[in-house]
């Protein structure tokens, strides 16, 4: 009987012998090329290839509850943002008490795994705790309380949280001040109040990078103009703002030229630029019958590639980080906010790299 191993060995020899000196046989791990069919897949992880920080929004319960989730964060990312745990409503439990349990855990996790922490967010109209809103403070008492909060929180994590979204989502679509009911009715000059919040954060940690964060910045010319006007005012008045973040909750059908034009305009501030909450919707029609096909996955990959390529065109001094809003399609806010059939992130529900992962990598220099 002929030995099967002998036959296999002989066929292997013949295969290699039939190749010219300039050819080589390449066996591709399907997981490594993300299923894109890329003939030259990059086997580096995101954090290994990028020359800036690559972050992800994470939740303590997922890091503690699922080893695959924790391992994916450690493998692919070198920065984290707390998805919920560092917002005011999570920390400020009463007028006399803070709850730092979850925030402390995330900061400790980052330290243990050689990652940086981006703090999100100090002042956001939608994250004031109910006890604070019910107190009906006048502007003086309101600001005094907020100053203490910023001083205490930023001071607690001095040197350990490297950057903060000091203020989040001030402007409505079109550029007017958002018509919220917490801050705008209290202050004659809300922008002045926000500027002082940056000063309070700077005093608590002079080394931390301080950001303004919003959504649709590159798509909404009116909002972007309002942000630029605020930045100009801050600079003129010595307000310590280091960067601007655009959340980039966009989609495969988002107009790329509009995105590019707006991105260039945002970068004209000269500040650090943070793509702060990136995810790319694919089920753009919110269809109950939507199927995430290979063709749809490729469209998503091309969108991610376009965004990272665009980001790489920034001067190196303005590149801060690209942060995805989540780690896996298994846990994405969009299945609740947008549609249950949505697959916006770089890893699928089983933590396999999607074509989007390769697209992100291909856009990096």
Protein backbone atom coordinates (compact mmCIF):
# COMPACT_ATOMS: atom_id res chain seq x y z
CA UNK A 1 0.00 0.00 0.00
CA UNK A 2 1.34 3.43 -0.95
CA UNK A 3 1.99 5.73 2.02
CA UNK A 4 -0.34 8.77 1.85
CA UNK A 5 2.18 10.97 3.63
CA UNK A 6 4.76 10.08 0.96
CA UNK A 7 2.38 11.12 -1.82
CA UNK A 8 1.55 14.41 -0.08
CA UNK A 9 5.22 15.14 0.43
CA UNK A 10 6.03 14.38 -3.22
CA UNK A 11 3.20 16.64 -4.43
CA UNK A 12 4.47 19.46 -2.22
CA UNK A 13 7.97 19.13 -3.67
CA UNK A 14 6.60 19.18 -7.20
CA UNK A 15 4.46 22.21 -6.43
CA UNK A 16 7.38 24.25 -5.19
CA UNK A 17 9.62 23.02 -7.99
CA UNK A 18 7.10 24.20 -10.59
CA UNK A 19 7.30 27.77 -9.29
CA UNK A 20 9.91 30.13 -10.73
CA UNK A 21 12.55 31.60 -8.47
CA UNK A 22 10.49 34.79 -8.24
CA UNK A 23 7.32 33.04 -7.16
CA UNK A 24 6.24 31.73 -3.81
CA UNK A 25 3.30 29.81 -2.50
CA UNK A 26 1.30 31.81 0.01
CA UNK A 27 -1.25 30.31 2.35
CA UNK A 28 -3.61 32.98 3.61
CA UNK A 29 -5.42 32.74 6.90
CA UNK A 30 -8.96 33.87 6.11
CA UNK A 31 -9.27 35.54 9.49
CA UNK A 32 -6.21 37.66 8.86
CA UNK A 33 -7.45 39.22 5.62
CA UNK A 34 -10.87 39.91 7.10
CA UNK A 35 -12.57 38.11 4.22
CA UNK A 36 -11.85 40.96 1.79
CA UNK A 37 -9.87 38.85 -0.66
CA UNK A 38 -6.99 41.27 -0.26
CA UNK A 39 -4.02 39.51 -1.95
CA UNK A 40 -1.63 41.19 0.48
CA UNK A 41 -3.41 41.12 3.81
CA UNK A 42 -1.90 43.12 6.62
CA UNK A 43 -1.60 40.92 9.66
CA UNK A 44 -0.82 43.78 12.03
CA UNK A 45 -3.45 44.82 14.51
CA UNK A 46 -4.90 48.32 14.46
CA UNK A 47 -2.76 49.52 17.35
CA UNK A 48 0.39 48.06 15.84
CA UNK A 49 0.06 49.84 12.51
CA UNK A 50 -1.45 53.22 13.42
CA UNK A 51 0.94 56.05 14.36
CA UNK A 52 -1.77 57.56 16.56
CA UNK A 53 -3.99 56.08 19.25
CA UNK A 54 -6.73 53.67 18.22
CA UNK A 55 -9.46 53.61 20.84
CA UNK A 56 -12.75 51.92 21.62
CA UNK A 57 -15.68 52.73 23.86
CA UNK A 58 -15.98 49.98 26.45
CA UNK A 59 -18.24 48.98 29.33
CA UNK A 60 -17.07 47.58 32.64
CA UNK A 61 -19.72 44.83 32.67
CA UNK A 62 -18.50 43.50 29.32
CA UNK A 63 -14.84 43.58 30.32
CA UNK A 64 -15.66 41.73 33.53
CA UNK A 65 -18.22 39.37 32.07
CA UNK A 66 -16.74 38.08 28.84
CA UNK A 67 -13.15 36.96 28.26
CA UNK A 68 -13.45 37.26 24.46
CA UNK A 69 -14.50 40.89 24.79
CA UNK A 70 -11.67 41.72 27.18
CA UNK A 71 -9.11 39.94 24.99
CA UNK A 72 -10.32 41.74 21.86
CA UNK A 73 -9.91 45.14 23.53
CA UNK A 74 -6.39 44.28 24.66
CA UNK A 75 -5.40 42.86 21.27
CA UNK A 76 -6.63 45.56 18.94
CA UNK A 77 -6.69 48.85 20.87
CA UNK A 78 -4.35 51.06 22.90
CA UNK A 79 -6.89 53.59 24.16
CA UNK A 80 -10.31 53.27 25.79
CA UNK A 81 -13.27 55.57 26.35
CA UNK A 82 -15.90 54.77 28.96
CA UNK A 83 -19.18 54.34 27.10
CA UNK A 84 -21.21 55.28 30.20
CA UNK A 85 -19.17 55.07 33.37
CA UNK A 86 -17.43 58.46 33.30
CA UNK A 87 -20.47 60.56 32.48
CA UNK A 88 -21.71 62.89 35.18
CA UNK A 89 -24.91 60.95 35.92
CA UNK A 90 -22.87 57.80 36.54
CA UNK A 91 -20.38 59.39 38.94
CA UNK A 92 -22.27 62.19 40.74
CA UNK A 93 -24.62 60.17 42.91
CA UNK A 94 -25.69 63.01 45.24
CA UNK A 95 -24.76 66.54 46.30
CA UNK A 96 -22.34 65.06 48.82
CA UNK A 97 -21.17 61.81 47.19
CA UNK A 98 -19.46 60.36 44.14
CA UNK A 99 -19.46 56.78 42.84
CA UNK A 100 -16.09 56.11 41.24
CA UNK A 101 -16.29 52.29 41.25
CA UNK A 102 -16.73 51.77 37.52
CA UNK A 103 -14.50 54.65 36.44
CA UNK A 104 -11.74 53.42 38.76
CA UNK A 105 -12.04 49.93 37.28
CA UNK A 106 -11.63 51.21 33.72
CA UNK A 107 -8.67 53.40 34.60
CA UNK A 108 -7.05 50.44 36.37
CA UNK A 109 -7.74 48.15 33.41
CA UNK A 110 -6.08 50.65 31.09
CA UNK A 111 -3.02 50.92 33.32
CA UNK A 112 -2.68 47.13 33.59
CA UNK A 113 -2.77 46.79 29.80
CA UNK A 114 -0.64 49.79 28.80
CA UNK A 115 -3.55 51.74 27.35
CA UNK A 116 -4.54 55.38 27.58
CA UNK A 117 -7.92 56.65 28.78
CA UNK A 118 -9.96 59.33 27.06
CA UNK A 119 -12.43 60.77 29.57
CA UNK A 120 -16.00 61.16 28.32
CA UNK A 121 -17.55 63.51 29.29
CA UNK A 122 -17.39 66.22 31.97
CA UNK A 123 -20.24 68.55 30.95
CA UNK A 124 -23.13 67.33 28.83
CA UNK A 125 -26.65 68.69 29.13
CA UNK A 126 -28.05 65.15 28.88
CA UNK A 127 -26.00 63.68 31.71
CA UNK A 128 -26.74 65.93 34.68
CA UNK A 129 -28.11 63.72 37.48
CA UNK A 130 -31.75 64.12 38.44
CA UNK A 131 -30.93 65.38 41.94
CA UNK A 132 -28.92 68.23 40.37
CA UNK A 133 -31.67 69.24 37.96
CA UNK A 134 -34.27 69.10 40.72
CA UNK A 135 -32.21 71.46 42.91
CA UNK A 136 -33.10 74.44 40.64
CA UNK A 137 -29.77 76.21 41.19
CA UNK A 138 -29.25 79.77 40.00
CA UNK A 139 -26.29 80.41 37.70
CA UNK A 140 -23.83 81.13 40.54
CA UNK A 141 -24.66 78.02 42.55
CA UNK A 142 -24.90 75.93 39.36
CA UNK A 143 -21.41 76.88 38.21
CA UNK A 144 -19.95 76.56 41.70
CA UNK A 145 -21.19 72.97 41.90
CA UNK A 146 -19.94 72.12 38.41
CA UNK A 147 -16.53 73.64 39.15
CA UNK A 148 -16.19 71.43 42.23
CA UNK A 149 -17.26 68.39 40.22
CA UNK A 150 -14.75 69.02 37.42
CA UNK A 151 -11.98 69.76 39.90
CA UNK A 152 -12.66 66.59 41.88
CA UNK A 153 -13.04 64.23 38.92
CA UNK A 154 -10.18 65.50 36.78
CA UNK A 155 -8.01 65.82 39.88
CA UNK A 156 -8.72 62.24 40.92
CA UNK A 157 -7.45 60.94 37.59
CA UNK A 158 -4.64 63.44 37.09
CA UNK A 159 -1.93 61.83 35.01
CA UNK A 160 -4.03 58.70 34.47
CA UNK A 161 -6.74 60.05 32.18
CA UNK A 162 -4.74 61.67 29.39
CA UNK A 163 -7.57 63.58 27.73
CA UNK A 164 -11.13 64.72 28.36
CA UNK A 165 -14.21 65.68 26.43
CA UNK A 166 -14.78 68.71 28.63
CA UNK A 167 -17.98 69.76 26.86
CA UNK A 168 -20.27 67.67 24.67
CA UNK A 169 -22.96 68.60 22.11
CA UNK A 170 -23.61 72.30 22.69
CA UNK A 171 -24.98 73.04 19.22
CA UNK A 172 -28.16 71.91 17.48
CA UNK A 173 -28.30 70.95 13.82
CA UNK A 174 -27.67 74.10 11.82
CA UNK A 175 -25.49 75.74 14.45
CA UNK A 176 -27.83 77.41 16.94
CA UNK A 177 -27.31 76.76 20.62
CA UNK A 178 -29.08 73.54 21.51
CA UNK A 179 -32.46 74.27 23.04
CA UNK A 180 -31.88 72.11 26.11
CA UNK A 181 -33.43 72.83 29.49
CA UNK A 182 -30.45 72.44 31.82
CA UNK A 183 -27.74 74.98 30.93
CA UNK A 184 -29.10 77.40 28.34
CA UNK A 185 -31.92 78.79 30.54
CA UNK A 186 -29.54 79.40 33.46
CA UNK A 187 -26.79 81.41 31.77
CA UNK A 188 -26.99 84.63 29.79
CA UNK A 189 -23.80 83.52 28.03
CA UNK A 190 -23.66 79.70 27.93
CA UNK A 191 -20.51 79.72 25.76
CA UNK A 192 -18.74 81.75 28.43
CA UNK A 193 -19.75 79.13 31.00
CA UNK A 194 -18.41 76.32 28.82
CA UNK A 195 -15.13 78.18 28.41
CA UNK A 196 -14.72 78.44 32.18
CA UNK A 197 -15.28 74.67 32.41
CA UNK A 198 -12.20 74.21 30.24
CA UNK A 199 -10.28 76.43 32.64
CA UNK A 200 -11.41 74.37 35.64
CA UNK A 201 -10.29 71.16 33.93
CA UNK A 202 -6.92 72.67 33.00
CA UNK A 203 -6.33 73.79 36.58
CA UNK A 204 -7.08 70.28 37.87
CA UNK A 205 -4.69 68.57 35.41
CA UNK A 206 -2.46 70.93 33.39
CA UNK A 207 -1.12 68.05 31.25
CA UNK A 208 -4.46 66.62 30.10
CA UNK A 209 -5.61 67.32 26.53
CA UNK A 210 -9.01 69.04 26.51
CA UNK A 211 -11.61 68.55 23.76
CA UNK A 212 -14.96 69.79 22.57
CA UNK A 213 -17.03 66.89 21.17
CA UNK A 214 -20.10 66.84 18.90
CA UNK A 215 -21.78 64.88 16.11
CA UNK A 216 -22.23 65.66 12.40
CA UNK A 217 -19.43 68.22 12.57
CA UNK A 218 -18.08 67.41 9.10
CA UNK A 219 -21.55 67.14 7.53
CA UNK A 220 -23.32 70.16 9.05
CA UNK A 221 -21.77 73.41 7.84
CA UNK A 222 -23.81 75.55 10.24
CA UNK A 223 -22.83 73.53 13.28
CA UNK A 224 -19.19 73.48 12.18
CA UNK A 225 -19.18 77.26 11.72
CA UNK A 226 -20.59 77.68 15.24
CA UNK A 227 -17.91 75.40 16.67
CA UNK A 228 -15.17 77.28 14.82
CA UNK A 229 -16.55 80.57 16.11
CA UNK A 230 -16.47 79.20 19.65
CA UNK A 231 -12.89 77.96 19.18
CA UNK A 232 -11.84 81.39 17.89
CA UNK A 233 -13.43 83.03 20.91
CA UNK A 234 -11.75 80.57 23.26
CA UNK A 235 -8.35 81.15 21.72
CA UNK A 236 -8.79 84.93 21.90
CA UNK A 237 -9.73 84.70 25.59
CA UNK A 238 -7.01 82.27 26.61
CA UNK A 239 -9.35 79.32 27.08
CA UNK A 240 -7.26 76.10 27.05
CA UNK A 241 -8.86 74.00 24.30
CA UNK A 242 -6.61 71.42 22.63
CA UNK A 243 -8.88 69.58 20.25
CA UNK A 244 -12.21 68.98 18.55
CA UNK A 245 -13.93 65.62 18.25
CA UNK A 246 -16.48 64.56 15.64
CA UNK A 247 -18.35 61.44 16.64
CA UNK A 248 -18.55 60.00 13.09
CA UNK A 249 -21.76 58.04 13.57
CA UNK A 250 -22.05 57.83 9.80
CA UNK A 251 -23.12 55.25 7.20
CA UNK A 252 -22.10 53.56 3.98
CA UNK A 253 -24.22 56.06 2.05
CA UNK A 254 -22.81 59.18 3.75
CA UNK A 255 -21.63 61.57 1.04
CA UNK A 256 -17.86 61.28 0.96
CA UNK A 257 -17.14 64.61 -0.67
CA UNK A 258 -19.24 66.39 1.94
CA UNK A 259 -17.35 64.47 4.61
CA UNK A 260 -13.97 65.36 3.13
CA UNK A 261 -14.78 69.05 2.65
CA UNK A 262 -16.09 69.35 6.19
CA UNK A 263 -13.16 67.44 7.64
CA UNK A 264 -10.68 69.78 5.96
CA UNK A 265 -12.63 72.75 7.32
CA UNK A 266 -12.69 71.29 10.84
CA UNK A 267 -8.94 70.74 10.68
CA UNK A 268 -8.45 74.40 9.75
CA UNK A 269 -8.84 75.19 13.46
CA UNK A 270 -5.29 73.89 13.85
CA UNK A 271 -6.41 71.86 16.87
CA UNK A 272 -6.01 68.16 17.52
CA UNK A 273 -8.66 66.19 15.66
CA UNK A 274 -10.40 63.21 17.25
CA UNK A 275 -12.69 60.85 15.38
CA UNK A 276 -14.30 60.10 18.68
CA UNK A 277 -17.22 57.66 18.34
CA UNK A 278 -16.82 55.95 14.99
CA UNK A 279 -19.28 53.39 13.69
CA UNK A 280 -20.64 52.87 10.18
CA UNK A 281 -24.29 51.92 9.67
CA UNK A 282 -25.05 49.48 6.85
CA UNK A 283 -28.82 48.99 7.17
CA UNK A 284 -29.38 52.54 6.00
CA UNK A 285 -33.08 52.03 5.18
CA UNK A 286 -33.83 50.41 8.57
CA UNK A 287 -35.16 47.38 6.72
CA UNK A 288 -36.54 44.42 8.70
CA UNK A 289 -35.45 42.14 5.85
CA UNK A 290 -31.90 43.48 5.68
CA UNK A 291 -29.12 40.92 5.14
CA UNK A 292 -25.48 41.80 5.79
CA UNK A 293 -24.08 40.24 2.62
CA UNK A 294 -20.47 40.11 1.45
CA UNK A 295 -21.22 43.02 -0.88
CA UNK A 296 -22.58 45.07 2.01
CA UNK A 297 -19.55 44.17 4.11
CA UNK A 298 -17.29 45.38 1.32
CA UNK A 299 -19.13 48.71 1.08
CA UNK A 300 -18.59 49.15 4.81
CA UNK A 301 -14.90 48.26 4.45
CA UNK A 302 -14.48 50.88 1.74
CA UNK A 303 -16.11 53.50 3.96
CA UNK A 304 -13.78 52.72 6.84
CA UNK A 305 -10.81 52.85 4.47
CA UNK A 306 -11.93 56.22 3.13
CA UNK A 307 -12.18 57.65 6.64
CA UNK A 308 -8.79 56.40 7.83
CA UNK A 309 -7.16 57.54 4.58
CA UNK A 310 -8.71 60.97 5.06
CA UNK A 311 -7.51 61.10 8.66
CA UNK A 312 -3.98 60.20 7.61
CA UNK A 313 -3.89 63.27 5.38
CA UNK A 314 -3.88 65.47 8.48
CA UNK A 315 -0.58 66.92 9.65
CA UNK A 316 0.92 64.46 12.14
CA UNK A 317 0.70 67.14 14.84
CA UNK A 318 -3.11 67.18 14.55
CA UNK A 319 -3.66 63.41 14.74
CA UNK A 320 -4.96 62.49 18.17
CA UNK A 321 -6.95 59.26 17.85
CA UNK A 322 -9.63 57.33 16.02
CA UNK A 323 -12.00 55.71 18.50
CA UNK A 324 -14.73 53.26 17.54
CA UNK A 325 -17.94 53.43 19.55
CA UNK A 326 -17.82 49.85 20.67
CA UNK A 327 -15.77 46.75 19.99
CA UNK A 328 -18.09 44.15 18.48
CA UNK A 329 -21.41 44.05 16.65
CA UNK A 330 -22.61 41.93 19.57
CA UNK A 331 -22.72 45.04 21.75
CA UNK A 332 -23.56 48.17 19.78
CA UNK A 333 -25.89 50.97 20.82
CA UNK A 334 -27.23 51.09 17.26
CA UNK A 335 -29.22 47.85 17.54
CA UNK A 336 -31.37 49.71 20.05
CA UNK A 337 -31.18 53.25 18.70
CA UNK A 338 -31.23 52.52 14.96
CA UNK A 339 -32.36 48.97 14.03
CA UNK A 340 -31.96 45.47 15.44
CA UNK A 341 -30.31 44.38 12.18
CA UNK A 342 -27.26 46.61 12.29
CA UNK A 343 -23.59 45.66 12.06
CA UNK A 344 -21.53 48.84 12.40
CA UNK A 345 -18.21 47.82 13.96
CA UNK A 346 -14.92 46.15 13.02
CA UNK A 347 -15.48 42.80 14.75
CA UNK A 348 -18.54 40.61 14.26
CA UNK A 349 -20.62 39.11 17.08
CA UNK A 350 -18.14 36.22 17.35
CA UNK A 351 -15.14 38.61 17.53
CA UNK A 352 -13.91 37.75 14.03
CA UNK A 353 -12.37 40.55 12.02
CA UNK A 354 -14.78 41.83 9.40
CA UNK A 355 -13.76 43.28 6.03
CA UNK A 356 -14.20 46.64 7.79
CA UNK A 357 -11.17 45.82 9.93
CA UNK A 358 -9.03 45.32 6.82
CA UNK A 359 -10.47 48.50 5.34
CA UNK A 360 -9.44 50.45 8.43
CA UNK A 361 -5.94 48.97 8.19
CA UNK A 362 -5.63 49.62 4.46
CA UNK A 363 -6.33 53.31 5.01
CA UNK A 364 -3.45 53.66 7.47
CA UNK A 365 -0.03 54.75 6.31
